[in-house]
Amino acid sequence: MAHSPSRLRRVRRRRSSDLPHPFRQLWLGKSASSLSDFVLASALPILTAITTESAALVAAVTTALTLPWLLFGLTAGALVDRIDRRHALIGSGLLRTGVFALAAILAAAGLLPDAALLIGAVVTGIGQVISETATLSITPQLVASRQLERANARLITAEVIVEAAAALVAGTLASGGALAVFGTGALCGLAGLIALSRLLRLYLPLAPETVTPSGAPPRSGMLDGLRLLWAIPVLRVIALMGAVINTAWTAFAATFVLYAIAPGPIGLSPQRYSLLLTASIGGGILGGLFAPRLLARVGNRWGIGLNILANAVTFGTPALTTSPWLIGIVFFTGDTATPLWRVTTATLQQRAVPEALRGRVLAAYRVISYGAAVAGPATGVAIAGQIGSRGLFAVAAGACLLMLIPFQRVITHRAMAGIEGQVLSAD
């Protein structure tokens, strides 16, 4: 039976865009591992509050989940560049799964000390740092350069979905006690390890120009990624813009919850506030699903620009209205742009950075963009105490709008084309 030329072209185009099986194994393993991480990240603070009633320990657990990027990020980047990235993924998974399984066993025997909750948070945070860095570093070894947008979008969308799923069950698991929390984390981690173990069968040659020699200590060459990131104007400016926007986000989040829930001005019940947050998550999922198509239409440059504008509108809307319907619509729409930024920045770094330095540059970017956000909550509360919550929301929106200045001056079409032009000719 003869096929029309147009149909044959569609078939070839579809086959050429299919992501290869090794990447699908990475995606499955990373998704299960992320579910393990997010279950612990969501449930541990609740579990700590229920079982210890210690505000100091709850604060310590929450901090232990967020600080590793700032304290351990550069070391993790050097480690990922020094060893086989598959081994980094498997090793971090074994560490987390083993600790969670041991904690579950101790909890079942009634022997789990309160300090184990803090240890679990530390292990979760460090494991996430290594896993995220290794995943983004190994992805270009598994897919063609032209497929990076699709691969990164798939990873990011899965992360948003599993984070939402973990948040939904966190309260129920925490009510079930430490055995339920750590047991679920261990089971999800084990599923991730089984999927990731398939990657060990692959032969993945590394670039010969290794900067950190095999056998060197993990901290050797740790700052090389930071130096290279700083030497590339586009990546440097994006990292600094990300630091400002993420700090604005954490400042906004720390204040908005009190503003939204009654007796705050919006007057929502805790259940309706959860629905409002769900709208934001739904927007992120939708944005991740359509990110490759949107970026193909508007270009990677505007993947960054649209996110800046969307954040400014998201922060500014509660300063102008207390309508939960309007705020929910804005949250949903605004979060569709978040995956555009994440896909674009990951892809730019993967294409612009030599393979031997990729882990360190990816980690350096996150140390800058995520590390600054640690100061956001305290800063937001302080500003809101001086000028009110609406004033803080306006300041956060204004900080995002200011990012349009470096966006226009540095993140130009020429600069972006220079990085995107590094797509391998073999593709």
Protein backbone atom coordinates (compact mmCIF):
# COMPACT_ATOMS: atom_id res chain seq x y z
CA MET A 1 0.00 0.00 0.00
CA ALA A 2 1.49 3.33 -1.05
CA HIS A 3 1.79 6.20 1.42
CA SER A 4 1.61 9.86 0.49
CA PRO A 5 4.87 11.85 0.75
CA SER A 6 3.31 14.15 3.37
CA ARG A 7 2.38 11.19 5.55
CA LEU A 8 5.86 9.72 5.25
CA ARG A 9 7.34 13.08 6.28
CA ARG A 10 5.10 13.16 9.36
CA VAL A 11 6.16 9.64 10.33
CA ARG A 12 9.85 10.45 9.92
CA ARG A 13 9.46 13.68 11.90
CA ARG A 14 7.69 11.84 14.72
CA ARG A 15 10.32 9.11 14.86
CA SER A 16 13.19 11.59 14.79
CA SER A 17 11.70 13.47 17.74
CA ASP A 18 11.10 10.36 19.90
CA LEU A 19 13.24 10.41 23.02
CA PRO A 20 15.52 7.35 23.22
CA HIS A 21 14.94 4.47 25.58
CA PRO A 22 17.92 5.26 27.88
CA PHE A 23 16.43 8.69 28.57
CA ARG A 24 13.05 7.14 29.34
CA GLN A 25 14.77 4.95 31.94
CA LEU A 26 16.38 8.06 33.43
CA TRP A 27 12.99 9.79 33.44
CA LEU A 28 11.28 6.88 35.19
CA GLY A 29 14.02 6.53 37.77
CA LYS A 30 14.28 10.25 38.43
CA SER A 31 10.49 10.59 38.76
CA ALA A 32 10.30 7.81 41.36
CA SER A 33 13.32 9.21 43.22
CA SER A 34 11.79 12.70 43.17
CA LEU A 35 8.56 11.31 44.62
CA SER A 36 10.62 9.84 47.46
CA ASP A 37 12.34 13.19 48.04
CA PHE A 38 9.17 15.26 47.92
CA VAL A 39 7.30 12.87 50.23
CA LEU A 40 10.01 13.39 52.82
CA ALA A 41 10.29 17.13 52.15
CA SER A 42 6.51 17.62 52.52
CA ALA A 43 5.83 15.19 55.37
CA LEU A 44 8.88 15.58 57.62
CA PRO A 45 8.03 19.08 58.92
CA ILE A 46 4.46 17.93 59.65
CA LEU A 47 5.67 14.71 61.27
CA THR A 48 8.15 16.67 63.40
CA ALA A 49 5.45 19.05 64.56
CA ILE A 50 3.09 16.17 65.45
CA THR A 51 5.58 13.95 67.24
CA THR A 52 7.86 16.45 69.01
CA GLU A 53 5.83 19.68 69.29
CA SER A 54 9.22 21.42 69.13
CA ALA A 55 9.19 24.63 67.10
CA ALA A 56 13.00 24.63 67.12
CA LEU A 57 13.21 21.13 65.64
CA VAL A 58 10.57 21.93 63.01
CA ALA A 59 12.61 24.98 61.98
CA ALA A 60 15.79 22.89 61.92
CA VAL A 61 14.17 20.21 59.74
CA THR A 62 12.80 22.80 57.31
CA THR A 63 16.19 24.51 57.09
CA ALA A 64 17.99 21.19 56.57
CA LEU A 65 15.79 20.54 53.52
CA THR A 66 16.65 23.86 51.88
CA LEU A 67 20.26 24.67 52.81
CA PRO A 68 22.17 21.91 50.95
CA TRP A 69 22.12 23.78 47.64
CA LEU A 70 23.88 26.69 49.30
CA LEU A 71 26.33 24.66 51.40
CA PHE A 72 26.91 21.55 49.31
CA GLY A 73 26.04 22.58 45.74
CA LEU A 74 29.55 23.35 44.46
CA THR A 75 30.96 20.18 46.03
CA ALA A 76 28.18 18.12 44.44
CA GLY A 77 28.97 19.64 41.04
CA ALA A 78 32.65 18.68 41.36
CA LEU A 79 31.67 15.19 42.47
CA VAL A 80 29.34 14.69 39.50
CA ASP A 81 32.10 15.77 37.11
CA ARG A 82 34.69 13.54 38.78
CA ILE A 83 32.85 10.22 38.64
CA ASP A 84 30.56 8.42 36.21
CA ARG A 85 27.26 10.29 36.43
CA ARG A 86 25.32 7.05 36.48
CA HIS A 87 27.20 6.12 39.65
CA ALA A 88 26.35 9.51 41.16
CA LEU A 89 22.65 8.88 40.50
CA ILE A 90 22.75 5.34 41.86
CA GLY A 91 24.91 6.31 44.84
CA SER A 92 22.68 9.17 45.95
CA GLY A 93 19.66 6.89 45.54
CA LEU A 94 21.25 4.14 47.61
CA LEU A 95 22.14 6.62 50.35
CA ARG A 96 18.62 8.01 50.64
CA THR A 97 16.83 4.67 50.26
CA GLY A 98 19.10 2.99 52.80
CA VAL A 99 18.67 5.73 55.39
CA PHE A 100 14.89 5.85 54.88
CA ALA A 101 14.60 2.06 55.12
CA LEU A 102 16.67 2.00 58.34
CA ALA A 103 14.53 4.76 59.82
CA ALA A 104 11.36 2.84 58.91
CA ILE A 105 12.70 -0.30 60.61
CA LEU A 106 13.62 1.65 63.76
CA ALA A 107 10.20 3.34 63.74
CA ALA A 108 8.47 -0.05 63.48
CA ALA A 109 10.48 -1.22 66.50
CA GLY A 110 9.71 1.98 68.43
CA LEU A 111 13.40 2.91 68.57
CA LEU A 112 13.50 5.94 66.25
CA PRO A 113 14.96 8.98 68.07
CA ASP A 114 13.74 12.49 67.35
CA ALA A 115 17.17 13.37 65.95
CA ALA A 116 16.52 10.90 63.11
CA LEU A 117 13.96 13.32 61.68
CA LEU A 118 16.68 15.93 61.27
CA ILE A 119 19.08 13.35 59.81
CA GLY A 120 16.40 12.30 57.32
CA ALA A 121 15.97 15.92 56.25
CA VAL A 122 19.73 16.38 55.78
CA VAL A 123 20.03 13.18 53.73
CA THR A 124 17.01 14.18 51.61
CA GLY A 125 18.46 17.61 50.87
CA ILE A 126 21.96 16.38 50.00
CA GLY A 127 20.58 13.54 47.90
CA GLN A 128 18.42 15.98 45.92
CA VAL A 129 21.43 18.19 45.18
CA ILE A 130 23.47 15.30 43.79
CA SER A 131 20.54 13.77 41.91
CA GLU A 132 19.44 17.04 40.26
CA THR A 133 22.98 17.92 39.19
CA ALA A 134 23.72 14.43 37.86
CA THR A 135 20.40 14.21 35.99
CA LEU A 136 20.83 17.46 34.09
CA SER A 137 24.50 16.65 33.44
CA ILE A 138 23.84 13.20 32.00
CA THR A 139 20.80 14.16 29.88
CA PRO A 140 22.90 15.51 26.94
CA GLN A 141 24.69 12.14 26.87
CA LEU A 142 21.35 10.35 26.34
CA VAL A 143 19.55 12.56 23.80
CA ALA A 144 20.49 14.52 20.69
CA SER A 145 21.11 18.23 21.21
CA ARG A 146 18.00 19.17 19.23
CA GLN A 147 15.94 17.08 21.70
CA LEU A 148 17.16 18.79 24.86
CA GLU A 149 14.12 21.08 25.18
CA ARG A 150 11.76 18.11 25.04
CA ALA A 151 13.86 16.04 27.43
CA ASN A 152 14.21 18.83 29.99
CA ALA A 153 10.50 19.66 29.73
CA ARG A 154 9.60 16.05 30.41
CA LEU A 155 11.84 15.93 33.47
CA ILE A 156 10.49 19.21 34.83
CA THR A 157 6.84 18.31 34.23
CA ALA A 158 7.29 15.00 36.04
CA GLU A 159 8.89 16.86 38.94
CA VAL A 160 5.91 19.24 39.22
CA ILE A 161 3.45 16.33 39.15
CA VAL A 162 5.22 14.25 41.79
CA GLU A 163 5.69 17.32 44.01
CA ALA A 164 1.93 17.94 43.84
CA ALA A 165 1.19 14.27 44.57
CA ALA A 166 3.55 14.30 47.56
CA ALA A 167 1.95 17.45 48.95
CA LEU A 168 -1.51 15.86 48.69
CA VAL A 169 -0.54 12.78 50.72
CA ALA A 170 1.93 14.43 53.11
CA GLY A 171 -0.60 15.11 55.86
CA THR A 172 -2.04 11.60 55.71
CA LEU A 173 1.40 9.98 55.81
CA ALA A 174 2.55 12.19 58.68
CA SER A 175 -0.58 11.25 60.63
CA GLY A 176 0.41 7.61 60.11
CA GLY A 177 3.71 8.22 61.85
CA ALA A 178 7.38 7.83 61.01
CA LEU A 179 6.93 4.30 59.67
CA ALA A 180 4.49 5.52 57.00
CA VAL A 181 6.66 8.50 56.01
CA PHE A 182 10.04 6.76 55.86
CA GLY A 183 8.56 3.51 54.54
CA THR A 184 6.92 5.32 51.62
CA GLY A 185 10.13 7.20 50.92
CA ALA A 186 12.13 3.97 50.92
CA LEU A 187 9.70 2.18 48.59
CA CYS A 188 9.68 5.06 46.08
CA GLY A 189 13.46 5.28 46.29
CA LEU A 190 13.76 1.56 45.61
CA ALA A 191 11.54 1.89 42.53
CA GLY A 192 13.78 4.69 41.31
CA LEU A 193 16.90 2.62 41.85
CA ILE A 194 15.47 -0.29 39.85
CA ALA A 195 14.76 2.00 36.88
CA LEU A 196 18.10 3.84 37.13
CA SER A 197 20.05 0.57 37.35
CA ARG A 198 19.19 -0.02 33.68
CA LEU A 199 21.50 2.90 32.82
CA LEU A 200 24.50 0.94 34.08
CA ARG A 201 24.33 -1.21 30.94
CA LEU A 202 25.06 1.77 28.72
CA TYR A 203 28.44 2.85 27.45
CA LEU A 204 28.60 6.61 27.85
CA PRO A 205 31.98 8.03 26.82
CA LEU A 206 32.98 11.22 28.63
CA ALA A 207 34.81 14.12 27.05
CA PRO A 208 38.57 13.55 27.02
CA GLU A 209 39.40 17.04 28.30
CA THR A 210 38.57 16.15 31.91
CA VAL A 211 39.32 19.13 34.14
CA THR A 212 39.11 17.27 37.44
CA PRO A 213 41.32 14.16 37.15
CA SER A 214 39.97 10.82 38.28
CA GLY A 215 40.98 10.10 41.86
CA ALA A 216 41.16 13.77 42.84
CA PRO A 217 39.26 14.80 45.98
CA PRO A 218 35.65 15.91 45.33
CA ARG A 219 36.47 19.54 46.16
CA SER A 220 39.25 19.67 43.55
CA GLY A 221 38.36 22.21 40.86
CA MET A 222 35.14 23.01 42.73
CA LEU A 223 35.21 26.69 41.72
CA ASP A 224 35.91 26.05 38.04
CA GLY A 225 32.21 25.86 37.24
CA LEU A 226 31.54 29.13 39.04
CA ARG A 227 34.36 30.82 37.12
CA LEU A 228 33.09 29.58 33.75
CA LEU A 229 29.50 30.55 34.59
CA TRP A 230 30.69 34.04 35.49
CA ALA A 231 32.74 34.28 32.30
CA ILE A 232 29.69 33.73 30.04
CA PRO A 233 27.59 36.94 30.24
CA VAL A 234 24.28 35.27 29.32
CA LEU A 235 24.61 32.56 31.95
CA ARG A 236 25.91 34.98 34.58
CA VAL A 237 23.03 37.40 34.13
CA ILE A 238 20.41 34.63 34.05
CA ALA A 239 21.79 33.25 37.33
CA LEU A 240 21.62 36.69 38.98
CA MET A 241 18.12 37.31 37.63
CA GLY A 242 17.10 33.91 38.97
CA ALA A 243 18.47 34.85 42.40
CA VAL A 244 16.33 38.00 42.47
CA ILE A 245 13.17 36.25 41.25
CA ASN A 246 13.55 33.27 43.60
CA THR A 247 14.15 35.58 46.55
CA ALA A 248 11.03 37.51 45.59
CA TRP A 249 9.13 34.21 45.41
CA THR A 250 10.13 33.02 48.89
CA ALA A 251 9.42 36.48 50.33
CA PHE A 252 6.01 36.47 48.65
CA ALA A 253 5.16 32.93 49.80
CA ALA A 254 6.10 33.63 53.42
CA THR A 255 3.69 36.57 53.53
CA PHE A 256 0.90 35.56 51.16
CA VAL A 257 -0.28 32.62 53.30
CA LEU A 258 -1.27 34.97 56.15
CA TYR A 259 -2.75 37.44 53.67
CA ALA A 260 -4.90 34.76 52.02
CA ILE A 261 -6.22 32.69 54.95
CA ALA A 262 -8.90 34.22 57.20
CA PRO A 263 -8.72 36.57 59.04
CA GLY A 264 -6.45 37.85 56.24
CA PRO A 265 -7.95 40.20 53.62
CA ILE A 266 -8.72 37.45 51.08
CA GLY A 267 -10.50 35.45 53.80
CA LEU A 268 -9.97 31.90 52.54
CA SER A 269 -10.35 28.75 54.60
CA PRO A 270 -7.28 26.47 54.69
CA GLN A 271 -9.06 24.10 52.27
CA ARG A 272 -9.80 26.85 49.75
CA TYR A 273 -6.25 28.14 50.11
CA SER A 274 -5.06 24.66 49.10
CA LEU A 275 -7.29 24.87 46.02
CA LEU A 276 -5.68 28.20 45.16
CA LEU A 277 -2.25 26.60 45.31
CA THR A 278 -3.52 23.70 43.23
CA ALA A 279 -4.38 26.17 40.45
CA SER A 280 -0.74 27.25 40.45
CA ILE A 281 0.45 23.63 40.26
CA GLY A 282 -1.96 22.95 37.38
CA GLY A 283 -0.49 25.85 35.45
CA GLY A 284 3.01 24.47 35.97
CA ILE A 285 1.99 21.06 34.65
CA LEU A 286 0.32 22.59 31.59
CA GLY A 287 3.33 24.78 30.93
CA GLY A 288 5.68 21.82 31.15
CA LEU A 289 3.62 19.76 28.72
CA PHE A 290 3.60 22.51 26.09
CA ALA A 291 7.00 24.10 26.82
CA PRO A 292 8.80 22.63 23.76
CA ARG A 293 6.06 23.85 21.40
CA LEU A 294 5.90 27.29 22.99
CA LEU A 295 9.67 27.69 22.90
CA ALA A 296 9.71 26.61 19.26
CA ARG A 297 7.28 29.46 18.52
CA VAL A 298 8.61 32.29 20.69
CA GLY A 299 12.27 31.28 20.94
CA ASN A 300 14.32 30.49 24.04
CA ARG A 301 14.96 34.17 24.70
CA TRP A 302 11.29 34.81 25.33
CA GLY A 303 11.07 31.69 27.44
CA ILE A 304 12.99 33.84 29.92
CA GLY A 305 11.20 37.10 29.16
CA LEU A 306 7.69 35.66 29.52
CA ASN A 307 8.59 34.18 32.88
CA ILE A 308 9.80 37.57 34.14
CA LEU A 309 6.54 39.22 33.09
CA ALA A 310 4.42 36.38 34.47
CA ASN A 311 6.11 36.59 37.86
CA ALA A 312 5.62 40.34 38.02
CA VAL A 313 1.89 39.96 37.29
CA THR A 314 1.58 37.10 39.79
CA PHE A 315 3.17 39.11 42.60
CA GLY A 316 1.38 42.33 41.73
CA THR A 317 -2.19 41.01 41.43
CA PRO A 318 -2.79 40.45 45.20
CA ALA A 319 -1.61 44.02 45.77
CA LEU A 320 -4.50 45.25 43.60
CA THR A 321 -7.34 42.83 44.39
CA THR A 322 -8.54 40.38 47.04
CA SER A 323 -10.69 38.39 44.60
CA PRO A 324 -9.65 34.74 44.99
CA TRP A 325 -11.04 33.92 41.53
CA LEU A 326 -8.94 36.56 39.79
CA ILE A 327 -5.86 35.66 41.84
CA GLY A 328 -6.38 31.96 41.06
CA ILE A 329 -6.62 32.65 37.33
CA VAL A 330 -3.44 34.74 37.47
CA PHE A 331 -1.64 32.05 39.48
CA PHE A 332 -2.63 29.38 36.96
CA THR A 333 -1.64 31.49 33.96
CA GLY A 334 1.55 32.77 35.54
CA ASP A 335 2.83 29.34 36.48
CA THR A 336 2.55 28.11 32.90
CA ALA A 337 5.61 30.28 32.23
CA THR A 338 7.76 28.76 35.00
CA PRO A 339 8.74 25.65 32.98
CA LEU A 340 9.75 27.93 30.09
CA TRP A 341 12.46 29.50 32.25
CA ARG A 342 13.60 26.19 33.70
CA VAL A 343 13.75 24.39 30.34
CA THR A 344 15.54 27.31 28.68
CA THR A 345 18.18 27.79 31.38
CA ALA A 346 18.93 24.07 31.66
CA THR A 347 19.22 23.71 27.88
CA LEU A 348 21.46 26.77 27.54
CA GLN A 349 23.86 25.46 30.14
CA GLN A 350 23.90 21.98 28.65
CA ARG A 351 24.75 23.38 25.20
CA ALA A 352 27.17 26.11 26.24
CA VAL A 353 29.30 24.22 28.76
CA PRO A 354 31.96 21.58 28.01
CA GLU A 355 30.91 18.15 29.19
CA ALA A 356 33.76 17.87 31.70
CA LEU A 357 32.55 21.04 33.49
CA ARG A 358 28.82 20.57 33.09
CA GLY A 359 28.08 19.36 36.60
CA ARG A 360 29.99 22.21 38.22
CA VAL A 361 28.37 24.91 36.08
CA LEU A 362 24.87 23.51 36.64
CA ALA A 363 25.54 23.38 40.37
CA ALA A 364 27.04 26.89 40.43
CA TYR A 365 23.94 28.27 38.73
CA ARG A 366 21.71 26.73 41.38
CA VAL A 367 23.91 27.86 44.25
CA ILE A 368 23.45 31.43 43.03
CA SER A 369 19.81 31.30 41.99
CA TYR A 370 18.53 29.05 44.79
CA GLY A 371 20.97 30.03 47.53
CA ALA A 372 19.88 33.66 47.58
CA ALA A 373 16.26 32.57 48.10
CA VAL A 374 17.11 31.39 51.64
CA ALA A 375 17.00 35.03 52.75
CA GLY A 376 13.60 35.63 51.13
CA PRO A 377 11.22 34.70 53.97
CA ALA A 378 12.94 36.83 56.62
CA THR A 379 13.30 39.71 54.16
CA GLY A 380 9.64 39.48 53.15
CA VAL A 381 8.39 39.48 56.73
CA ALA A 382 10.58 42.49 57.55
CA ILE A 383 9.37 44.49 54.53
CA ALA A 384 5.74 43.57 55.17
CA GLY A 385 6.14 44.70 58.77
CA GLN A 386 7.16 48.15 57.51
CA ILE A 387 4.85 48.76 54.53
CA GLY A 388 2.25 46.01 54.78
CA SER A 389 1.66 42.85 52.76
CA ARG A 390 0.35 44.72 49.72
CA GLY A 391 3.46 46.88 49.78
CA LEU A 392 5.64 43.76 49.82
CA PHE A 393 3.73 42.29 46.87
CA ALA A 394 4.29 45.51 44.93
CA VAL A 395 8.01 45.47 45.80
CA ALA A 396 8.30 41.85 44.62
CA ALA A 397 6.53 42.72 41.36
CA GLY A 398 8.78 45.74 40.87
CA ALA A 399 11.92 43.66 41.50
CA CYS A 400 10.84 41.29 38.73
CA LEU A 401 10.09 44.14 36.32
CA LEU A 402 13.58 45.51 36.93
CA MET A 403 14.92 42.24 35.53
CA LEU A 404 13.67 43.37 32.13
CA ILE A 405 16.63 45.79 32.01
CA PRO A 406 19.37 43.12 31.98
CA PHE A 407 17.06 40.96 29.87
CA GLN A 408 16.95 43.60 27.14
CA ARG A 409 20.63 44.52 27.39
CA VAL A 410 22.31 41.11 27.80
CA ILE A 411 19.83 38.36 26.89
CA THR A 412 19.72 39.43 23.26
CA HIS A 413 18.84 37.43 20.17
CA ARG A 414 22.50 37.48 19.11
CA ALA A 415 23.75 36.23 22.48
CA MET A 416 21.15 33.48 22.59
CA ALA A 417 21.85 32.48 19.00
CA GLY A 418 25.54 32.21 19.85
CA ILE A 419 24.81 29.61 22.51
CA GLU A 420 22.09 27.83 20.57
CA GLY A 421 24.46 27.65 17.61
CA GLN A 422 26.52 25.13 19.54
CA VAL A 423 24.11 22.38 18.56
CA LEU A 424 26.19 19.53 17.21
CA SER A 425 26.33 19.44 13.45
CA ALA A 426 25.66 15.73 13.66
CA ASP A 427 22.15 16.57 14.82
